[in-house]
C-alpha atoms as a PDB file:
ATOM      1  CA  UNK A   1       0.000   0.000   0.000  1.00  0.00           C
ATOM      2  CA  UNK A   2       2.818   2.417   0.875  1.00  0.00           C
ATOM      3  CA  UNK A   3       4.570   1.600  -2.410  1.00  0.00           C
ATOM      4  CA  UNK A   4       1.346   2.250  -4.317  1.00  0.00           C
ATOM      5  CA  UNK A   5       0.851   5.567  -2.508  1.00  0.00           C
ATOM      6  CA  UNK A   6       4.428   6.655  -3.290  1.00  0.00           C
ATOM      7  CA  UNK A   7       3.980   5.664  -6.929  1.00  0.00           C
ATOM      8  CA  UNK A   8       0.764   7.716  -7.135  1.00  0.00           C
ATOM      9  CA  UNK A   9       2.494  10.789  -5.694  1.00  0.00           C
ATOM     10  CA  UNK A  10       5.395  10.492  -8.161  1.00  0.00           C
ATOM     11  CA  UNK A  11       2.968  10.024 -11.049  1.00  0.00           C
ATOM     12  CA  UNK A  12       1.010  13.122  -9.972  1.00  0.00           C
ATOM     13  CA  UNK A  13       4.178  15.240  -9.769  1.00  0.00           C
ATOM     14  CA  UNK A  14       5.378  14.084 -13.178  1.00  0.00           C
ATOM     15  CA  UNK A  15       1.978  14.739 -14.724  1.00  0.00           C
ATOM     16  CA  UNK A  16       1.750  18.193 -13.115  1.00  0.00           C
ATOM     17  CA  UNK A  17       5.241  19.156 -14.282  1.00  0.00           C
ATOM     18  CA  UNK A  18       4.534  17.843 -17.741  1.00  0.00           C
ATOM     19  CA  UNK A  19       1.353  19.892 -18.030  1.00  0.00           C
ATOM     20  CA  UNK A  20       3.102  22.993 -16.683  1.00  0.00           C
ATOM     21  CA  UNK A  21       5.818  22.644 -19.287  1.00  0.00           C
ATOM     22  CA  UNK A  22       3.243  22.035 -21.990  1.00  0.00           C
ATOM     23  CA  UNK A  23       1.372  25.292 -21.387  1.00  0.00           C
ATOM     24  CA  UNK A  24       4.428  27.433 -20.601  1.00  0.00           C
ATOM     25  CA  UNK A  25       4.882  30.092 -23.253  1.00  0.00           C
ATOM     26  CA  UNK A  26       7.482  32.809 -23.540  1.00  0.00           C
ATOM     27  CA  UNK A  27       7.608  36.252 -25.094  1.00  0.00           C
ATOM     28  CA  UNK A  28      10.935  37.900 -25.915  1.00  0.00           C
ATOM     29  CA  UNK A  29      10.604  41.652 -26.473  1.00  0.00           C
ATOM     30  CA  UNK A  30      13.202  43.232 -28.762  1.00  0.00           C
ATOM     31  CA  UNK A  31      13.370  47.029 -28.894  1.00  0.00           C
ATOM     32  CA  UNK A  32      14.371  48.599 -32.203  1.00  0.00           C
ATOM     33  CA  UNK A  33      15.649  51.962 -33.367  1.00  0.00           C
ATOM     34  CA  UNK A  34      13.320  51.981 -36.410  1.00  0.00           C
ATOM     35  CA  UNK A  35      15.429  53.712 -39.104  1.00  0.00           C
ATOM     36  CA  UNK A  36      19.139  54.146 -38.308  1.00  0.00           C
ATOM     37  CA  UNK A  37      21.543  56.724 -39.864  1.00  0.00           C
ATOM     38  CA  UNK A  38      23.828  55.688 -42.736  1.00  0.00           C
ATOM     39  CA  UNK A  39      26.907  55.947 -40.522  1.00  0.00           C
ATOM     40  CA  UNK A  40      25.567  53.050 -38.394  1.00  0.00           C
ATOM     41  CA  UNK A  41      23.784  51.205 -41.220  1.00  0.00           C
ATOM     42  CA  UNK A  42      24.888  47.770 -39.967  1.00  0.00           C
ATOM     43  CA  UNK A  43      23.368  48.177 -36.491  1.00  0.00           C
ATOM     44  CA  UNK A  44      20.766  45.458 -37.043  1.00  0.00           C
ATOM     45  CA  UNK A  45      23.251  42.700 -37.961  1.00  0.00           C
ATOM     46  CA  UNK A  46      24.183  41.763 -34.362  1.00  0.00           C
ATOM     47  CA  UNK A  47      20.515  41.934 -33.394  1.00  0.00           C
ATOM     48  CA  UNK A  48      19.604  39.517 -36.186  1.00  0.00           C
ATOM     49  CA  UNK A  49      22.262  37.044 -35.043  1.00  0.00           C
ATOM     50  CA  UNK A  50      20.948  37.112 -31.480  1.00  0.00           C
ATOM     51  CA  UNK A  51      17.350  36.781 -32.633  1.00  0.00           C
ATOM     52  CA  UNK A  52      18.228  33.695 -34.661  1.00  0.00           C
ATOM     53  CA  UNK A  53      19.695  32.007 -31.589  1.00  0.00           C
ATOM     54  CA  UNK A  54      16.383  32.488 -29.791  1.00  0.00           C
ATOM     55  CA  UNK A  55      14.788  30.332 -32.511  1.00  0.00           C
ATOM     56  CA  UNK A  56      11.320  31.931 -32.372  1.00  0.00           C
ATOM     57  CA  UNK A  57       8.241  30.038 -33.515  1.00  0.00           C
ATOM     58  CA  UNK A  58       6.146  33.203 -33.983  1.00  0.00           C
ATOM     59  CA  UNK A  59       7.044  36.791 -34.844  1.00  0.00           C
ATOM     60  CA  UNK A  60       4.974  39.780 -33.700  1.00  0.00           C
ATOM     61  CA  UNK A  61       5.438  43.145 -35.371  1.00  0.00           C
ATOM     62  CA  UNK A  62       4.456  46.765 -34.773  1.00  0.00           C
ATOM     63  CA  UNK A  63       1.896  46.984 -37.547  1.00  0.00           C
ATOM     64  CA  UNK A  64      -1.883  47.555 -37.403  1.00  0.00           C
ATOM     65  CA  UNK A  65      -4.076  44.484 -37.777  1.00  0.00           C
ATOM     66  CA  UNK A  66      -6.226  44.220 -40.865  1.00  0.00           C
ATOM     67  CA  UNK A  67      -9.488  44.123 -38.907  1.00  0.00           C
ATOM     68  CA  UNK A  68      -8.589  47.075 -36.673  1.00  0.00           C
ATOM     69  CA  UNK A  69     -11.057  49.515 -38.231  1.00  0.00           C
ATOM     70  CA  UNK A  70     -10.466  52.207 -35.591  1.00  0.00           C
ATOM     71  CA  UNK A  71      -6.730  52.372 -36.281  1.00  0.00           C
ATOM     72  CA  UNK A  72      -7.226  52.366 -40.057  1.00  0.00           C
ATOM     73  CA  UNK A  73      -9.859  55.100 -39.769  1.00  0.00           C
ATOM     74  CA  UNK A  74      -7.058  57.284 -38.405  1.00  0.00           C
ATOM     75  CA  UNK A  75      -4.231  55.936 -40.560  1.00  0.00           C
ATOM     76  CA  UNK A  76      -6.018  56.400 -43.891  1.00  0.00           C
ATOM     77  CA  UNK A  77      -5.385  60.139 -43.462  1.00  0.00           C
ATOM     78  CA  UNK A  78      -2.891  60.030 -40.607  1.00  0.00           C
ATOM     79  CA  UNK A  79       0.795  60.710 -40.057  1.00  0.00           C
ATOM     80  CA  UNK A  80       2.213  57.888 -42.189  1.00  0.00           C
ATOM     81  CA  UNK A  81       2.306  58.312 -45.970  1.00  0.00           C
ATOM     82  CA  UNK A  82       2.998  54.609 -46.463  1.00  0.00           C
ATOM     83  CA  UNK A  83       0.012  53.527 -44.338  1.00  0.00           C
ATOM     84  CA  UNK A  84      -2.175  56.046 -46.145  1.00  0.00           C
ATOM     85  CA  UNK A  85      -1.082  54.709 -49.547  1.00  0.00           C
ATOM     86  CA  UNK A  86      -1.614  51.112 -48.416  1.00  0.00           C
ATOM     87  CA  UNK A  87      -5.129  51.847 -47.160  1.00  0.00           C
ATOM     88  CA  UNK A  88      -6.246  53.202 -50.532  1.00  0.00           C
ATOM     89  CA  UNK A  89      -4.422  50.391 -52.366  1.00  0.00           C
ATOM     90  CA  UNK A  90      -6.340  47.930 -50.193  1.00  0.00           C
ATOM     91  CA  UNK A  91      -9.612  49.664 -51.031  1.00  0.00           C
ATOM     92  CA  UNK A  92      -8.908  49.430 -54.751  1.00  0.00           C
ATOM     93  CA  UNK A  93      -7.865  45.749 -54.512  1.00  0.00           C
ATOM     94  CA  UNK A  94     -11.053  44.862 -52.657  1.00  0.00           C
ATOM     95  CA  UNK A  95     -13.130  45.995 -55.630  1.00  0.00           C
ATOM     96  CA  UNK A  96     -11.351  43.829 -58.233  1.00  0.00           C
ATOM     97  CA  UNK A  97      -9.583  40.918 -56.500  1.00  0.00           C
ATOM     98  CA  UNK A  98     -11.273  37.612 -55.693  1.00  0.00           C
ATOM     99  CA  UNK A  99      -9.815  35.768 -52.682  1.00  0.00           C
ATOM    100  CA  UNK A 100      -9.099  32.046 -52.981  1.00  0.00           C
ATOM    101  CA  UNK A 101      -8.683  30.506 -49.528  1.00  0.00           C
ATOM    102  CA  UNK A 102      -7.656  27.084 -50.839  1.00  0.00           C
ATOM    103  CA  UNK A 103      -4.931  28.564 -53.068  1.00  0.00           C
ATOM    104  CA  UNK A 104      -3.770  30.771 -50.198  1.00  0.00           C
ATOM    105  CA  UNK A 105      -3.243  27.811 -47.853  1.00  0.00           C
ATOM    106  CA  UNK A 106      -1.641  25.729 -50.612  1.00  0.00           C
ATOM    107  CA  UNK A 107       0.978  28.428 -51.153  1.00  0.00           C
ATOM    108  CA  UNK A 108       1.615  28.750 -47.405  1.00  0.00           C
ATOM    109  CA  UNK A 109       2.430  25.032 -47.296  1.00  0.00           C
ATOM    110  CA  UNK A 110       5.248  25.552 -49.799  1.00  0.00           C
ATOM    111  CA  UNK A 111       8.786  26.439 -48.792  1.00  0.00           C
ATOM    112  CA  UNK A 112       9.835  29.983 -49.618  1.00  0.00           C
ATOM    113  CA  UNK A 113      12.221  28.631 -52.270  1.00  0.00           C
ATOM    114  CA  UNK A 114       9.361  26.834 -54.046  1.00  0.00           C
ATOM    115  CA  UNK A 115       7.096  29.873 -54.241  1.00  0.00           C
ATOM    116  CA  UNK A 116       6.832  31.179 -57.803  1.00  0.00           C
ATOM    117  CA  UNK A 117       6.551  34.795 -58.880  1.00  0.00           C
ATOM    118  CA  UNK A 118       2.872  34.131 -59.529  1.00  0.00           C
ATOM    119  CA  UNK A 119       2.502  32.752 -55.994  1.00  0.00           C
ATOM    120  CA  UNK A 120       4.081  35.859 -54.516  1.00  0.00           C
ATOM    121  CA  UNK A 121       1.857  38.157 -56.596  1.00  0.00           C
ATOM    122  CA  UNK A 122      -1.223  36.274 -55.419  1.00  0.00           C
ATOM    123  CA  UNK A 123      -0.150  36.492 -51.771  1.00  0.00           C
ATOM    124  CA  UNK A 124       0.662  40.193 -52.084  1.00  0.00           C
ATOM    125  CA  UNK A 125      -2.818  40.850 -53.506  1.00  0.00           C
ATOM    126  CA  UNK A 126      -4.431  38.697 -50.818  1.00  0.00           C
ATOM    127  CA  UNK A 127      -2.686  40.588 -48.022  1.00  0.00           C
ATOM    128  CA  UNK A 128      -3.697  43.915 -49.578  1.00  0.00           C
ATOM    129  CA  UNK A 129      -7.286  42.677 -49.833  1.00  0.00           C
ATOM    130  CA  UNK A 130      -7.211  41.738 -46.123  1.00  0.00           C
ATOM    131  CA  UNK A 131      -5.560  45.063 -45.229  1.00  0.00           C
ATOM    132  CA  UNK A 132      -2.657  43.041 -43.784  1.00  0.00           C
ATOM    133  CA  UNK A 133       0.118  45.604 -44.145  1.00  0.00           C
ATOM    134  CA  UNK A 134       2.859  43.610 -42.383  1.00  0.00           C
ATOM    135  CA  UNK A 135       2.650  40.557 -44.633  1.00  0.00           C
ATOM    136  CA  UNK A 136       2.013  42.683 -47.724  1.00  0.00           C
ATOM    137  CA  UNK A 137       5.349  44.397 -47.068  1.00  0.00           C
ATOM    138  CA  UNK A 138       7.031  41.081 -46.211  1.00  0.00           C
ATOM    139  CA  UNK A 139       6.083  39.351 -49.463  1.00  0.00           C
ATOM    140  CA  UNK A 140       6.929  42.448 -51.511  1.00  0.00           C
ATOM    141  CA  UNK A 141      10.359  42.293 -49.891  1.00  0.00           C
ATOM    142  CA  UNK A 142      10.741  38.627 -50.903  1.00  0.00           C
ATOM    143  CA  UNK A 143       9.731  39.422 -54.485  1.00  0.00           C
ATOM    144  CA  UNK A 144      12.239  42.273 -54.652  1.00  0.00           C
ATOM    145  CA  UNK A 145      15.245  40.715 -52.888  1.00  0.00           C
ATOM    146  CA  UNK A 146      14.651  36.961 -52.959  1.00  0.00           C
ATOM    147  CA  UNK A 147      14.713  34.564 -50.026  1.00  0.00           C
ATOM    148  CA  UNK A 148      18.203  35.624 -48.932  1.00  0.00           C
ATOM    149  CA  UNK A 149      17.012  39.175 -48.398  1.00  0.00           C
ATOM    150  CA  UNK A 150      18.697  42.447 -49.244  1.00  0.00           C
ATOM    151  CA  UNK A 151      22.485  42.228 -49.572  1.00  0.00           C
ATOM    152  CA  UNK A 152      22.867  45.861 -48.596  1.00  0.00           C
ATOM    153  CA  UNK A 153      21.506  47.239 -45.312  1.00  0.00           C
ATOM    154  CA  UNK A 154      18.098  48.835 -45.667  1.00  0.00           C
ATOM    155  CA  UNK A 155      18.768  50.685 -42.387  1.00  0.00           C
ATOM    156  CA  UNK A 156      15.273  49.775 -41.199  1.00  0.00           C
ATOM    157  CA  UNK A 157      14.091  47.105 -38.769  1.00  0.00           C
ATOM    158  CA  UNK A 158      11.843  45.374 -41.316  1.00  0.00           C
ATOM    159  CA  UNK A 159      14.417  44.840 -44.035  1.00  0.00           C
ATOM    160  CA  UNK A 160      17.416  44.179 -41.790  1.00  0.00           C
ATOM    161  CA  UNK A 161      15.839  42.292 -38.891  1.00  0.00           C
ATOM    162  CA  UNK A 162      12.182  41.258 -39.116  1.00  0.00           C
ATOM    163  CA  UNK A 163      11.972  39.945 -42.672  1.00  0.00           C
ATOM    164  CA  UNK A 164      15.365  38.250 -42.605  1.00  0.00           C
ATOM    165  CA  UNK A 165      14.519  36.559 -39.311  1.00  0.00           C
ATOM    166  CA  UNK A 166      11.170  35.315 -40.658  1.00  0.00           C
ATOM    167  CA  UNK A 167      12.857  33.916 -43.768  1.00  0.00           C
ATOM    168  CA  UNK A 168      15.572  32.212 -41.713  1.00  0.00           C
ATOM    169  CA  UNK A 169      12.976  30.660 -39.379  1.00  0.00           C
ATOM    170  CA  UNK A 170      10.700  29.708 -42.274  1.00  0.00           C
ATOM    171  CA  UNK A 171       7.848  31.702 -40.701  1.00  0.00           C
ATOM    172  CA  UNK A 172       5.364  32.277 -43.531  1.00  0.00           C
ATOM    173  CA  UNK A 173       3.276  34.849 -41.675  1.00  0.00           C
ATOM    174  CA  UNK A 174       4.037  37.793 -39.430  1.00  0.00           C
ATOM    175  CA  UNK A 175       1.564  38.577 -36.651  1.00  0.00           C
ATOM    176  CA  UNK A 176       0.482  42.213 -36.332  1.00  0.00           C
ATOM    177  CA  UNK A 177      -0.156  43.671 -32.887  1.00  0.00           C
ATOM    178  CA  UNK A 178      -0.110  47.478 -33.103  1.00  0.00           C
ATOM    179  CA  UNK A 179      -2.983  49.775 -32.161  1.00  0.00           C
ATOM    180  CA  UNK A 180      -3.067  53.371 -33.371  1.00  0.00           C
ATOM    181  CA  UNK A 181      -6.699  54.160 -32.655  1.00  0.00           C
ATOM    182  CA  UNK A 182      -5.738  57.058 -30.360  1.00  0.00           C
ATOM    183  CA  UNK A 183      -2.534  58.112 -32.098  1.00  0.00           C
ATOM    184  CA  UNK A 184      -4.040  61.356 -33.382  1.00  0.00           C
ATOM    185  CA  UNK A 185      -4.934  62.354 -29.818  1.00  0.00           C
ATOM    186  CA  UNK A 186      -1.452  61.337 -28.625  1.00  0.00           C
ATOM    187  CA  UNK A 187       0.302  63.560 -31.174  1.00  0.00           C
ATOM    188  CA  UNK A 188      -2.015  66.464 -30.348  1.00  0.00           C
ATOM    189  CA  UNK A 189      -1.172  66.043 -26.659  1.00  0.00           C
ATOM    190  CA  UNK A 190       2.539  65.827 -27.533  1.00  0.00           C
ATOM    191  CA  UNK A 191       2.350  69.142 -29.366  1.00  0.00           C
ATOM    192  CA  UNK A 192       0.446  70.723 -26.488  1.00  0.00           C
ATOM    193  CA  UNK A 193       2.905  69.384 -23.897  1.00  0.00           C
ATOM    194  CA  UNK A 194       5.811  70.776 -25.917  1.00  0.00           C
ATOM    195  CA  UNK A 195       4.252  74.239 -26.056  1.00  0.00           C
ATOM    196  CA  UNK A 196       3.518  74.163 -22.329  1.00  0.00           C
ATOM    197  CA  UNK A 197       7.089  73.071 -21.631  1.00  0.00           C
ATOM    198  CA  UNK A 198       8.607  76.149 -23.254  1.00  0.00           C
ATOM    199  CA  UNK A 199       7.944  78.253 -20.171  1.00  0.00           C
ATOM    200  CA  UNK A 200       7.860  75.836 -17.225  1.00  0.00           C
ATOM    201  CA  UNK A 201      11.210  74.068 -17.624  1.00  0.00           C
ATOM    202  CA  UNK A 202       9.869  70.688 -18.760  1.00  0.00           C
ATOM    203  CA  UNK A 203      11.387  71.002 -22.233  1.00  0.00           C
ATOM    204  CA  UNK A 204      14.781  71.710 -20.711  1.00  0.00           C
ATOM    205  CA  UNK A 205      14.555  68.511 -18.679  1.00  0.00           C
ATOM    206  CA  UNK A 206      13.640  66.474 -21.766  1.00  0.00           C
ATOM    207  CA  UNK A 207      16.418  68.057 -23.802  1.00  0.00           C
ATOM    208  CA  UNK A 208      18.994  67.119 -21.151  1.00  0.00           C
ATOM    209  CA  UNK A 209      17.679  63.541 -21.024  1.00  0.00           C
ATOM    210  CA  UNK A 210      17.865  63.197 -24.810  1.00  0.00           C
ATOM    211  CA  UNK A 211      21.344  64.685 -24.963  1.00  0.00           C
ATOM    212  CA  UNK A 212      22.570  62.320 -22.248  1.00  0.00           C
ATOM    213  CA  UNK A 213      21.041  59.351 -24.061  1.00  0.00           C
ATOM    214  CA  UNK A 214      22.588  60.438 -27.369  1.00  0.00           C
ATOM    215  CA  UNK A 215      26.069  60.778 -25.860  1.00  0.00           C
ATOM    216  CA  UNK A 216      25.773  57.390 -24.138  1.00  0.00           C
ATOM    217  CA  UNK A 217      24.937  55.732 -27.464  1.00  0.00           C
ATOM    218  CA  UNK A 218      27.901  57.096 -29.463  1.00  0.00           C
ATOM    219  CA  UNK A 219      30.532  54.489 -28.548  1.00  0.00           C
ATOM    220  CA  UNK A 220      28.167  51.488 -28.760  1.00  0.00           C
ATOM    221  CA  UNK A 221      26.988  52.714 -32.163  1.00  0.00           C
ATOM    222  CA  UNK A 222      30.560  52.962 -33.482  1.00  0.00           C
ATOM    223  CA  UNK A 223      31.255  49.351 -32.515  1.00  0.00           C
ATOM    224  CA  UNK A 224      27.977  47.912 -33.843  1.00  0.00           C
ATOM    225  CA  UNK A 225      26.521  47.740 -30.368  1.00  0.00           C
ATOM    226  CA  UNK A 226      23.683  50.224 -30.801  1.00  0.00           C
ATOM    227  CA  UNK A 227      21.014  47.516 -30.632  1.00  0.00           C
ATOM    228  CA  UNK A 228      22.482  46.008 -27.472  1.00  0.00           C
ATOM    229  CA  UNK A 229      22.785  49.448 -25.884  1.00  0.00           C
ATOM    230  CA  UNK A 230      19.215  50.372 -26.854  1.00  0.00           C
ATOM    231  CA  UNK A 231      17.899  47.209 -25.185  1.00  0.00           C
ATOM    232  CA  UNK A 232      19.584  47.851 -21.840  1.00  0.00           C
ATOM    233  CA  UNK A 233      16.967  48.560 -19.191  1.00  0.00           C
ATOM    234  CA  UNK A 234      18.462  51.970 -18.424  1.00  0.00           C
ATOM    235  CA  UNK A 235      18.120  53.007 -22.086  1.00  0.00           C
ATOM    236  CA  UNK A 236      14.597  51.589 -22.340  1.00  0.00           C
ATOM    237  CA  UNK A 237      13.479  53.422 -19.203  1.00  0.00           C
ATOM    238  CA  UNK A 238      14.795  56.734 -20.561  1.00  0.00           C
ATOM    239  CA  UNK A 239      12.908  56.204 -23.816  1.00  0.00           C
ATOM    240  CA  UNK A 240       9.770  55.366 -21.873  1.00  0.00           C
ATOM    241  CA  UNK A 241      10.116  58.545 -19.806  1.00  0.00           C
ATOM    242  CA  UNK A 242      10.330  60.704 -22.925  1.00  0.00           C
ATOM    243  CA  UNK A 243       7.478  59.034 -24.807  1.00  0.00           C
ATOM    244  CA  UNK A 244       5.130  58.930 -21.814  1.00  0.00           C
ATOM    245  CA  UNK A 245       5.979  62.493 -20.690  1.00  0.00           C
ATOM    246  CA  UNK A 246       6.695  61.214 -17.192  1.00  0.00           C
ATOM    247  CA  UNK A 247       9.972  63.149 -17.107  1.00  0.00           C
ATOM    248  CA  UNK A 248       8.079  66.365 -16.357  1.00  0.00           C
ATOM    249  CA  UNK A 249       8.323  67.988 -12.932  1.00  0.00           C
ATOM    250  CA  UNK A 250       5.324  70.231 -13.573  1.00  0.00           C
ATOM    251  CA  UNK A 251       2.203  68.353 -14.595  1.00  0.00           C
ATOM    252  CA  UNK A 252       0.238  70.057 -17.367  1.00  0.00           C
ATOM    253  CA  UNK A 253      -2.905  69.182 -19.275  1.00  0.00           C
ATOM    254  CA  UNK A 254      -1.074  68.285 -22.489  1.00  0.00           C
ATOM    255  CA  UNK A 255       1.575  66.133 -20.800  1.00  0.00           C
ATOM    256  CA  UNK A 256      -1.001  64.322 -18.674  1.00  0.00           C
ATOM    257  CA  UNK A 257      -3.139  63.579 -21.740  1.00  0.00           C
ATOM    258  CA  UNK A 258      -0.066  62.367 -23.598  1.00  0.00           C
ATOM    259  CA  UNK A 259       0.819  59.975 -20.784  1.00  0.00           C
ATOM    260  CA  UNK A 260      -2.728  58.579 -20.788  1.00  0.00           C
ATOM    261  CA  UNK A 261      -2.771  57.967 -24.540  1.00  0.00           C
ATOM    262  CA  UNK A 262       0.717  56.434 -24.504  1.00  0.00           C
ATOM    263  CA  UNK A 263      -0.244  54.009 -21.759  1.00  0.00           C
ATOM    264  CA  UNK A 264      -3.478  53.180 -23.567  1.00  0.00           C
ATOM    265  CA  UNK A 265      -1.609  52.290 -26.735  1.00  0.00           C
ATOM    266  CA  UNK A 266       0.803  50.023 -24.858  1.00  0.00           C
ATOM    267  CA  UNK A 267      -2.116  48.410 -23.039  1.00  0.00           C
ATOM    268  CA  UNK A 268      -3.916  47.685 -26.335  1.00  0.00           C
ATOM    269  CA  UNK A 269      -0.742  46.400 -27.993  1.00  0.00           C
ATOM    270  CA  UNK A 270      -0.089  44.092 -25.036  1.00  0.00           C
ATOM    271  CA  UNK A 271      -3.671  42.828 -25.247  1.00  0.00           C
ATOM    272  CA  UNK A 272      -3.226  42.088 -28.952  1.00  0.00           C
ATOM    273  CA  UNK A 273      -0.013  40.194 -28.215  1.00  0.00           C
ATOM    274  CA  UNK A 274      -1.228  38.342 -25.128  1.00  0.00           C
ATOM    275  CA  UNK A 275      -4.520  37.162 -26.587  1.00  0.00           C
ATOM    276  CA  UNK A 276      -2.912  35.903 -29.786  1.00  0.00           C
ATOM    277  CA  UNK A 277      -0.083  34.135 -27.950  1.00  0.00           C
ATOM    278  CA  UNK A 278      -2.536  32.437 -25.600  1.00  0.00           C
ATOM    279  CA  UNK A 279      -4.677  31.289 -28.531  1.00  0.00           C
ATOM    280  CA  UNK A 280      -1.713  29.873 -30.480  1.00  0.00           C
ATOM    281  CA  UNK A 281       0.475  26.799 -30.116  1.00  0.00           C
ATOM    282  CA  UNK A 282       3.675  28.830 -30.325  1.00  0.00           C
ATOM    283  CA  UNK A 283       6.000  28.525 -27.311  1.00  0.00           C
ATOM    284  CA  UNK A 284       8.774  30.979 -28.271  1.00  0.00           C
ATOM    285  CA  UNK A 285       7.322  34.279 -29.386  1.00  0.00           C
ATOM    286  CA  UNK A 286       9.408  37.279 -30.330  1.00  0.00           C
ATOM    287  CA  UNK A 287       8.013  40.812 -30.380  1.00  0.00           C
ATOM    288  CA  UNK A 288       9.905  43.335 -32.498  1.00  0.00           C
ATOM    289  CA  UNK A 289       8.802  46.826 -31.533  1.00  0.00           C
ATOM    290  CA  UNK A 290      10.063  50.369 -31.185  1.00  0.00           C
ATOM    291  CA  UNK A 291      12.228  50.524 -28.069  1.00  0.00           C
ATOM    292  CA  UNK A 292      10.079  53.244 -26.458  1.00  0.00           C
ATOM    293  CA  UNK A 293       7.266  50.705 -26.050  1.00  0.00           C
ATOM    294  CA  UNK A 294       9.261  47.944 -24.342  1.00  0.00           C
ATOM    295  CA  UNK A 295       8.872  49.031 -20.702  1.00  0.00           C
ATOM    296  CA  UNK A 296       5.147  49.641 -21.116  1.00  0.00           C
ATOM    297  CA  UNK A 297       4.582  46.315 -22.865  1.00  0.00           C
ATOM    298  CA  UNK A 298       6.582  44.427 -20.247  1.00  0.00           C
ATOM    299  CA  UNK A 299       4.484  45.921 -17.445  1.00  0.00           C
ATOM    300  CA  UNK A 300       1.143  45.282 -19.163  1.00  0.00           C
ATOM    301  CA  UNK A 301       1.989  41.716 -20.180  1.00  0.00           C
ATOM    302  CA  UNK A 302       3.319  40.742 -16.747  1.00  0.00           C
ATOM    303  CA  UNK A 303       0.269  42.245 -15.047  1.00  0.00           C
ATOM    304  CA  UNK A 304      -2.423  40.832 -17.316  1.00  0.00           C
ATOM    305  CA  UNK A 305      -0.828  37.566 -18.498  1.00  0.00           C
ATOM    306  CA  UNK A 306       1.011  36.102 -15.484  1.00  0.00           C
ATOM    307  CA  UNK A 307       0.965  32.657 -17.115  1.00  0.00           C
ATOM    308  CA  UNK A 308       3.355  33.939 -19.784  1.00  0.00           C
ATOM    309  CA  UNK A 309       7.090  34.344 -19.268  1.00  0.00           C
ATOM    310  CA  UNK A 310       8.167  37.819 -20.368  1.00  0.00           C
ATOM    311  CA  UNK A 311      11.830  38.354 -21.240  1.00  0.00           C
ATOM    312  CA  UNK A 312      13.614  41.472 -22.471  1.00  0.00           C
ATOM    313  CA  UNK A 313      16.317  41.124 -25.116  1.00  0.00           C
ATOM    314  CA  UNK A 314      18.889  42.938 -23.014  1.00  0.00           C
ATOM    315  CA  UNK A 315      18.485  40.710 -19.953  1.00  0.00           C
END
């Protein structure tokens, strides 16, 4: 009887551990510099090498989802010329293109090397039809540069990091997670906070922070360590302070509104990430996002998705 009891306890522990390991999922957040200057055009190469070693099974990108009508309502006439152009391209495609779900899935089952030019054109049109900007850009990149990617640095996170990583990992689809539904209000608050800061000393504080951050990044940038430097917690926290307007010593209406809208965007992005990760079978998920968002995303994901392991690239 004692032997049977001991066996039952061991079996329970093994089963519990096995189930815990089965549901354990991880998110690695990588902060980017978006577009880098020509003088440091190779900054994304070390970041790509490190991302490959993580061996992600899903790749999340800072791009609006196709069904996010609120974000696209803003973006169709918003700050980004490329998003604006894509929105109207998508509208025009929707009036002439006929989706073919079976053909779409058949192409996705192929290796990148087996996809024909016709396959790529079909996928590009399908993504435009679905207002899927991330994958529309990804497959246009493949058509332009091939499956090895651009030989020369594009100086942008998509061409030098995201797309090359997806090709290396054989990930056929990128997962969008951005939310820009309140971005107009955020930029209006930013402008208001800046005007208010001209007379109360807040702008001087922000200028000093930015200058200090710039000087600290010079040596790492020279030695191809800009990405590593950017992803240090100290750097990420400074970027968060600037973007959330929490550096101010005098609270004003514009700065307070800006902080609210910034936190709302991070909250919505984290929700988009967390819900999709939880619904998927992917265990190793990498999020490639502007470095200013990293601290906010980490906080939101840890608070609202405690079952997920959240890791920052610099730690």
